[in-house]
PDB file of N, CA and C in Angstrom:
ATOM      1  N   MET A   1     -11.435   2.083  15.142  1.00  0.00           N
ATOM      2  CA  MET A   1     -11.100   0.901  14.381  1.00  0.00           C
ATOM      3  C   MET A   1     -10.810   1.340  12.941  1.00  0.00           C
ATOM      4  N   LYS A   2      -9.667   0.955  12.435  1.00  0.00           N
ATOM      5  CA  LYS A   2      -9.290   1.258  11.053  1.00  0.00           C
ATOM      6  C   LYS A   2      -9.902   0.195  10.150  1.00  0.00           C
ATOM      7  N   ASN A   3     -10.300   0.622   8.958  1.00  0.00           N
ATOM      8  CA  ASN A   3     -10.825  -0.374   8.029  1.00  0.00           C
ATOM      9  C   ASN A   3     -10.299  -0.139   6.621  1.00  0.00           C
ATOM     10  N   TYR A   4     -10.355  -1.188   5.829  1.00  0.00           N
ATOM     11  CA  TYR A   4      -9.852  -1.167   4.453  1.00  0.00           C
ATOM     12  C   TYR A   4     -10.975  -1.394   3.448  1.00  0.00           C
ATOM     13  N   ILE A   5     -12.188  -1.089   3.858  1.00  0.00           N
ATOM     14  CA  ILE A   5     -13.343  -1.334   2.997  1.00  0.00           C
ATOM     15  C   ILE A   5     -13.247  -0.543   1.699  1.00  0.00           C
ATOM     16  N   LYS A   6     -12.949   0.741   1.798  1.00  0.00           N
ATOM     17  CA  LYS A   6     -12.881   1.585   0.598  1.00  0.00           C
ATOM     18  C   LYS A   6     -11.845   1.050  -0.385  1.00  0.00           C
ATOM     19  N   ASP A   7     -10.656   0.693   0.124  1.00  0.00           N
ATOM     20  CA  ASP A   7      -9.589   0.192  -0.747  1.00  0.00           C
ATOM     21  C   ASP A   7     -10.001  -1.094  -1.459  1.00  0.00           C
ATOM     22  N   ILE A   8     -10.560  -2.021  -0.709  1.00  0.00           N
ATOM     23  CA  ILE A   8     -10.957  -3.301  -1.296  1.00  0.00           C
ATOM     24  C   ILE A   8     -12.129  -3.117  -2.247  1.00  0.00           C
ATOM     25  N   ARG A   9     -13.095  -2.307  -1.840  1.00  0.00           N
ATOM     26  CA  ARG A   9     -14.266  -2.037  -2.688  1.00  0.00           C
ATOM     27  C   ARG A   9     -13.833  -1.424  -4.014  1.00  0.00           C
ATOM     28  N   ARG A  10     -12.947  -0.439  -3.958  1.00  0.00           N
ATOM     29  CA  ARG A  10     -12.473   0.209  -5.190  1.00  0.00           C
ATOM     30  C   ARG A  10     -11.680  -0.753  -6.073  1.00  0.00           C
ATOM     31  N   SER A  11     -10.895  -1.625  -5.448  1.00  0.00           N
ATOM     32  CA  SER A  11     -10.105  -2.583  -6.240  1.00  0.00           C
ATOM     33  C   SER A  11     -11.013  -3.547  -6.997  1.00  0.00           C
ATOM     34  N   MET A  12     -12.243  -3.709  -6.497  1.00  0.00           N
ATOM     35  CA  MET A  12     -13.225  -4.577  -7.150  1.00  0.00           C
ATOM     36  C   MET A  12     -14.148  -3.787  -8.087  1.00  0.00           C
ATOM     37  N   ASN A  13     -13.844  -2.496  -8.278  1.00  0.00           N
ATOM     38  CA  ASN A  13     -14.674  -1.614  -9.110  1.00  0.00           C
ATOM     39  C   ASN A  13     -16.133  -1.638  -8.668  1.00  0.00           C
ATOM     40  N   MET A  14     -16.331  -1.581  -7.353  1.00  0.00           N
ATOM     41  CA  MET A  14     -17.668  -1.617  -6.785  1.00  0.00           C
ATOM     42  C   MET A  14     -17.972  -0.252  -6.171  1.00  0.00           C
ATOM     43  N   SER A  15     -19.162   0.242  -6.418  1.00  0.00           N
ATOM     44  CA  SER A  15     -19.565   1.523  -5.838  1.00  0.00           C
ATOM     45  C   SER A  15     -20.072   1.313  -4.414  1.00  0.00           C
ATOM     46  N   GLN A  16     -20.157   2.402  -3.669  1.00  0.00           N
ATOM     47  CA  GLN A  16     -20.742   2.323  -2.330  1.00  0.00           C
ATOM     48  C   GLN A  16     -22.179   1.829  -2.420  1.00  0.00           C
ATOM     49  N   GLU A  17     -22.889   2.288  -3.409  1.00  0.00           N
ATOM     50  CA  GLU A  17     -24.296   1.888  -3.586  1.00  0.00           C
ATOM     51  C   GLU A  17     -24.408   0.389  -3.831  1.00  0.00           C
ATOM     52  N   GLN A  18     -23.549  -0.155  -4.689  1.00  0.00           N
ATOM     53  CA  GLN A  18     -23.575  -1.594  -4.969  1.00  0.00           C
ATOM     54  C   GLN A  18     -23.286  -2.399  -3.710  1.00  0.00           C
ATOM     55  N   LEU A  19     -22.292  -1.968  -2.945  1.00  0.00           N
ATOM     56  CA  LEU A  19     -21.959  -2.665  -1.708  1.00  0.00           C
ATOM     57  C   LEU A  19     -23.111  -2.572  -0.717  1.00  0.00           C
ATOM     58  N   ALA A  20     -23.707  -1.406  -0.628  1.00  0.00           N
ATOM     59  CA  ALA A  20     -24.831  -1.210   0.283  1.00  0.00           C
ATOM     60  C   ALA A  20     -25.984  -2.149  -0.051  1.00  0.00           C
ATOM     61  N   VAL A  21     -26.306  -2.269  -1.324  1.00  0.00           N
ATOM     62  CA  VAL A  21     -27.410  -3.134  -1.743  1.00  0.00           C
ATOM     63  C   VAL A  21     -27.120  -4.586  -1.373  1.00  0.00           C
ATOM     64  N   THR A  22     -25.896  -5.045  -1.616  1.00  0.00           N
ATOM     65  CA  THR A  22     -25.583  -6.446  -1.310  1.00  0.00           C
ATOM     66  C   THR A  22     -25.594  -6.721   0.190  1.00  0.00           C
ATOM     67  N   CYS A  23     -25.365  -5.676   0.995  1.00  0.00           N
ATOM     68  CA  CYS A  23     -25.338  -5.849   2.454  1.00  0.00           C
ATOM     69  C   CYS A  23     -26.655  -5.469   3.126  1.00  0.00           C
ATOM     70  N   GLY A  24     -27.581  -4.920   2.361  1.00  0.00           N
ATOM     71  CA  GLY A  24     -28.878  -4.563   2.923  1.00  0.00           C
ATOM     72  C   GLY A  24     -28.863  -3.318   3.793  1.00  0.00           C
ATOM     73  N   VAL A  25     -27.978  -2.378   3.474  1.00  0.00           N
ATOM     74  CA  VAL A  25     -27.908  -1.108   4.201  1.00  0.00           C
ATOM     75  C   VAL A  25     -27.941   0.045   3.199  1.00  0.00           C
ATOM     76  N   THR A  26     -27.890   1.270   3.708  1.00  0.00           N
ATOM     77  CA  THR A  26     -27.888   2.426   2.815  1.00  0.00           C
ATOM     78  C   THR A  26     -26.466   2.776   2.388  1.00  0.00           C
ATOM     79  N   ARG A  27     -26.368   3.533   1.316  1.00  0.00           N
ATOM     80  CA  ARG A  27     -25.062   4.023   0.868  1.00  0.00           C
ATOM     81  C   ARG A  27     -24.433   4.893   1.953  1.00  0.00           C
ATOM     82  N   GLN A  28     -25.262   5.644   2.668  1.00  0.00           N
ATOM     83  CA  GLN A  28     -24.763   6.510   3.735  1.00  0.00           C
ATOM     84  C   GLN A  28     -24.103   5.694   4.851  1.00  0.00           C
ATOM     85  N   THR A  29     -24.635   4.511   5.115  1.00  0.00           N
ATOM     86  CA  THR A  29     -24.022   3.638   6.122  1.00  0.00           C
ATOM     87  C   THR A  29     -22.636   3.204   5.680  1.00  0.00           C
ATOM     88  N   ILE A  30     -22.503   2.811   4.427  1.00  0.00           N
ATOM     89  CA  ILE A  30     -21.192   2.412   3.894  1.00  0.00           C
ATOM     90  C   ILE A  30     -20.226   3.579   3.973  1.00  0.00           C
ATOM     91  N   ASN A  31     -20.694   4.756   3.590  1.00  0.00           N
ATOM     92  CA  ASN A  31     -19.856   5.955   3.651  1.00  0.00           C
ATOM     93  C   ASN A  31     -19.396   6.227   5.078  1.00  0.00           C
ATOM     94  N   ALA A  32     -20.284   6.126   6.046  1.00  0.00           N
ATOM     95  CA  ALA A  32     -19.931   6.374   7.449  1.00  0.00           C
ATOM     96  C   ALA A  32     -18.908   5.360   7.955  1.00  0.00           C
ATOM     97  N   ILE A  33     -19.059   4.103   7.563  1.00  0.00           N
ATOM     98  CA  ILE A  33     -18.096   3.074   7.979  1.00  0.00           C
ATOM     99  C   ILE A  33     -16.733   3.356   7.358  1.00  0.00           C
ATOM    100  N   GLU A  34     -16.715   3.649   6.059  1.00  0.00           N
ATOM    101  CA  GLU A  34     -15.446   3.915   5.373  1.00  0.00           C
ATOM    102  C   GLU A  34     -14.715   5.116   5.957  1.00  0.00           C
ATOM    103  N   ASN A  35     -15.464   6.084   6.469  1.00  0.00           N
ATOM    104  CA  ASN A  35     -14.861   7.308   7.016  1.00  0.00           C
ATOM    105  C   ASN A  35     -14.709   7.262   8.537  1.00  0.00           C
ATOM    106  N   ASP A  36     -14.753   6.065   9.104  1.00  0.00           N
ATOM    107  CA  ASP A  36     -14.543   5.851  10.541  1.00  0.00           C
ATOM    108  C   ASP A  36     -15.495   6.649  11.431  1.00  0.00           C
ATOM    109  N   LYS A  37     -16.711   6.839  10.947  1.00  0.00           N
ATOM    110  CA  LYS A  37     -17.720   7.540  11.743  1.00  0.00           C
ATOM    111  C   LYS A  37     -18.720   6.562  12.359  1.00  0.00           C
ATOM    112  N   TYR A  38     -18.638   5.299  11.969  1.00  0.00           N
ATOM    113  CA  TYR A  38     -19.582   4.291  12.454  1.00  0.00           C
ATOM    114  C   TYR A  38     -18.902   2.927  12.419  1.00  0.00           C
ATOM    115  N   ASP A  39     -18.971   2.223  13.538  1.00  0.00           N
ATOM    116  CA  ASP A  39     -18.470   0.848  13.586  1.00  0.00           C
ATOM    117  C   ASP A  39     -19.650  -0.083  13.352  1.00  0.00           C
ATOM    118  N   PRO A  40     -19.548  -0.952  12.350  1.00  0.00           N
ATOM    119  CA  PRO A  40     -20.679  -1.828  12.028  1.00  0.00           C
ATOM    120  C   PRO A  40     -20.892  -2.910  13.083  1.00  0.00           C
ATOM    121  N   THR A  41     -22.085  -3.446  13.111  1.00  0.00           N
ATOM    122  CA  THR A  41     -22.366  -4.595  13.962  1.00  0.00           C
ATOM    123  C   THR A  41     -21.554  -5.780  13.448  1.00  0.00           C
ATOM    124  N   LEU A  42     -21.438  -6.793  14.262  1.00  0.00           N
ATOM    125  CA  LEU A  42     -20.723  -7.996  13.843  1.00  0.00           C
ATOM    126  C   LEU A  42     -21.387  -8.628  12.629  1.00  0.00           C
ATOM    127  N   SER A  43     -22.701  -8.632  12.636  1.00  0.00           N
ATOM    128  CA  SER A  43     -23.450  -9.196  11.512  1.00  0.00           C
ATOM    129  C   SER A  43     -23.142  -8.442  10.217  1.00  0.00           C
ATOM    130  N   LEU A  44     -23.138  -7.125  10.275  1.00  0.00           N
ATOM    131  CA  LEU A  44     -22.840  -6.325   9.085  1.00  0.00           C
ATOM    132  C   LEU A  44     -21.383  -6.507   8.669  1.00  0.00           C
ATOM    133  N   ALA A  45     -20.483  -6.636   9.622  1.00  0.00           N
ATOM    134  CA  ALA A  45     -19.072  -6.862   9.284  1.00  0.00           C
ATOM    135  C   ALA A  45     -18.907  -8.147   8.479  1.00  0.00           C
ATOM    136  N   PHE A  46     -19.646  -9.184   8.872  1.00  0.00           N
ATOM    137  CA  PHE A  46     -19.583 -10.435   8.118  1.00  0.00           C
ATOM    138  C   PHE A  46     -20.200 -10.283   6.729  1.00  0.00           C
ATOM    139  N   LYS A  47     -21.295  -9.542   6.617  1.00  0.00           N
ATOM    140  CA  LYS A  47     -21.902  -9.294   5.302  1.00  0.00           C
ATOM    141  C   LYS A  47     -20.932  -8.541   4.408  1.00  0.00           C
ATOM    142  N   LEU A  48     -20.247  -7.557   4.970  1.00  0.00           N
ATOM    143  CA  LEU A  48     -19.255  -6.801   4.193  1.00  0.00           C
ATOM    144  C   LEU A  48     -18.131  -7.718   3.721  1.00  0.00           C
ATOM    145  N   SER A  49     -17.655  -8.574   4.603  1.00  0.00           N
ATOM    146  CA  SER A  49     -16.549  -9.456   4.218  1.00  0.00           C
ATOM    147  C   SER A  49     -16.969 -10.432   3.123  1.00  0.00           C
ATOM    148  N   ILE A  50     -18.179 -10.927   3.201  1.00  0.00           N
ATOM    149  CA  ILE A  50     -18.673 -11.834   2.165  1.00  0.00           C
ATOM    150  C   ILE A  50     -18.813 -11.089   0.839  1.00  0.00           C
ATOM    151  N   SER A  51     -19.391  -9.902   0.884  1.00  0.00           N
ATOM    152  CA  SER A  51     -19.587  -9.111  -0.338  1.00  0.00           C
ATOM    153  C   SER A  51     -18.266  -8.713  -0.977  1.00  0.00           C
ATOM    154  N   LEU A  52     -17.252  -8.479  -0.138  1.00  0.00           N
ATOM    155  CA  LEU A  52     -15.945  -8.059  -0.646  1.00  0.00           C
ATOM    156  C   LEU A  52     -14.977  -9.230  -0.801  1.00  0.00           C
ATOM    157  N   GLN A  53     -15.494 -10.441  -0.631  1.00  0.00           N
ATOM    158  CA  GLN A  53     -14.733 -11.668  -0.848  1.00  0.00           C
ATOM    159  C   GLN A  53     -13.420 -11.701  -0.062  1.00  0.00           C
ATOM    160  N   THR A  54     -13.535 -11.357   1.212  1.00  0.00           N
ATOM    161  CA  THR A  54     -12.370 -11.382   2.093  1.00  0.00           C
ATOM    162  C   THR A  54     -12.830 -11.784   3.487  1.00  0.00           C
ATOM    163  N   THR A  55     -11.974 -11.637   4.452  1.00  0.00           N
ATOM    164  CA  THR A  55     -12.326 -11.985   5.825  1.00  0.00           C
ATOM    165  C   THR A  55     -12.464 -10.721   6.670  1.00  0.00           C
ATOM    166  N   VAL A  56     -13.173 -10.832   7.767  1.00  0.00           N
ATOM    167  CA  VAL A  56     -13.393  -9.687   8.651  1.00  0.00           C
ATOM    168  C   VAL A  56     -12.058  -9.121   9.140  1.00  0.00           C
ATOM    169  N   ASP A  57     -11.127  -9.987   9.480  1.00  0.00           N
ATOM    170  CA  ASP A  57      -9.848  -9.497  10.000  1.00  0.00           C
ATOM    171  C   ASP A  57      -9.005  -8.788   8.937  1.00  0.00           C
ATOM    172  N   LYS A  58      -9.318  -8.976   7.681  1.00  0.00           N
ATOM    173  CA  LYS A  58      -8.624  -8.226   6.626  1.00  0.00           C
ATOM    174  C   LYS A  58      -9.317  -6.885   6.354  1.00  0.00           C
ATOM    175  N   LEU A  59     -10.584  -6.767   6.746  1.00  0.00           N
ATOM    176  CA  LEU A  59     -11.325  -5.508   6.575  1.00  0.00           C
ATOM    177  C   LEU A  59     -11.078  -4.531   7.710  1.00  0.00           C
ATOM    178  N   PHE A  60     -10.966  -5.053   8.930  1.00  0.00           N
ATOM    179  CA  PHE A  60     -10.890  -4.199  10.112  1.00  0.00           C
ATOM    180  C   PHE A  60      -9.644  -4.483  10.931  1.00  0.00           C
ATOM    181  N   VAL A  61      -9.024  -3.412  11.410  1.00  0.00           N
ATOM    182  CA  VAL A  61      -7.867  -3.531  12.285  1.00  0.00           C
ATOM    183  C   VAL A  61      -8.146  -2.683  13.514  1.00  0.00           C
ATOM    184  N   PHE A  62      -8.064  -3.307  14.677  1.00  0.00           N
ATOM    185  CA  PHE A  62      -8.301  -2.592  15.920  1.00  0.00           C
ATOM    186  C   PHE A  62      -7.095  -1.727  16.233  1.00  0.00           C
ATOM    187  N   LYS A  63      -7.368  -0.462  16.562  1.00  0.00           N
ATOM    188  CA  LYS A  63      -6.281   0.406  17.008  1.00  0.00           C
ATOM    189  C   LYS A  63      -6.711   1.047  18.316  1.00  0.00           C
ATOM    190  N   GLU A  64      -5.831   0.992  19.284  1.00  0.00           N
ATOM    191  CA  GLU A  64      -6.150   1.549  20.599  1.00  0.00           C
ATOM    192  C   GLU A  64      -5.986   3.056  20.574  1.00  0.00           C
ATOM    193  N   ASP A  65      -6.762   3.709  21.440  1.00  0.00           N
ATOM    194  CA  ASP A  65      -6.617   5.152  21.572  1.00  0.00           C
ATOM    195  C   ASP A  65      -5.241   5.483  22.134  1.00  0.00           C
ATOM    196  N   ALA A  66      -4.752   6.629  21.752  1.00  0.00           N
ATOM    197  CA  ALA A  66      -3.424   7.051  22.209  1.00  0.00           C
ATOM    198  C   ALA A  66      -3.464   7.630  23.620  1.00  0.00           C
ATOM    199  N   ASN A  67      -4.636   7.633  24.258  1.00  0.00           N
ATOM    200  CA  ASN A  67      -4.755   8.233  25.600  1.00  0.00           C
ATOM    201  C   ASN A  67      -3.989   7.466  26.597  1.00  0.00           C
TER     202      ASN A  67
END
């Protein structure tokens, strides 16, 4: 799943740590999500969208495997 969290977060001049605190997770979790190493739960996806003042569908784009 592709995401635009880093782009939106940076446009808001927000650090990973600040986003993590508002979502109740660690900075490492935010880093893993931004680097496509971890797909967040639905609950966390909604927290991210609220914190970044956007919608879930603008944060995440489903991409199918090329297999």
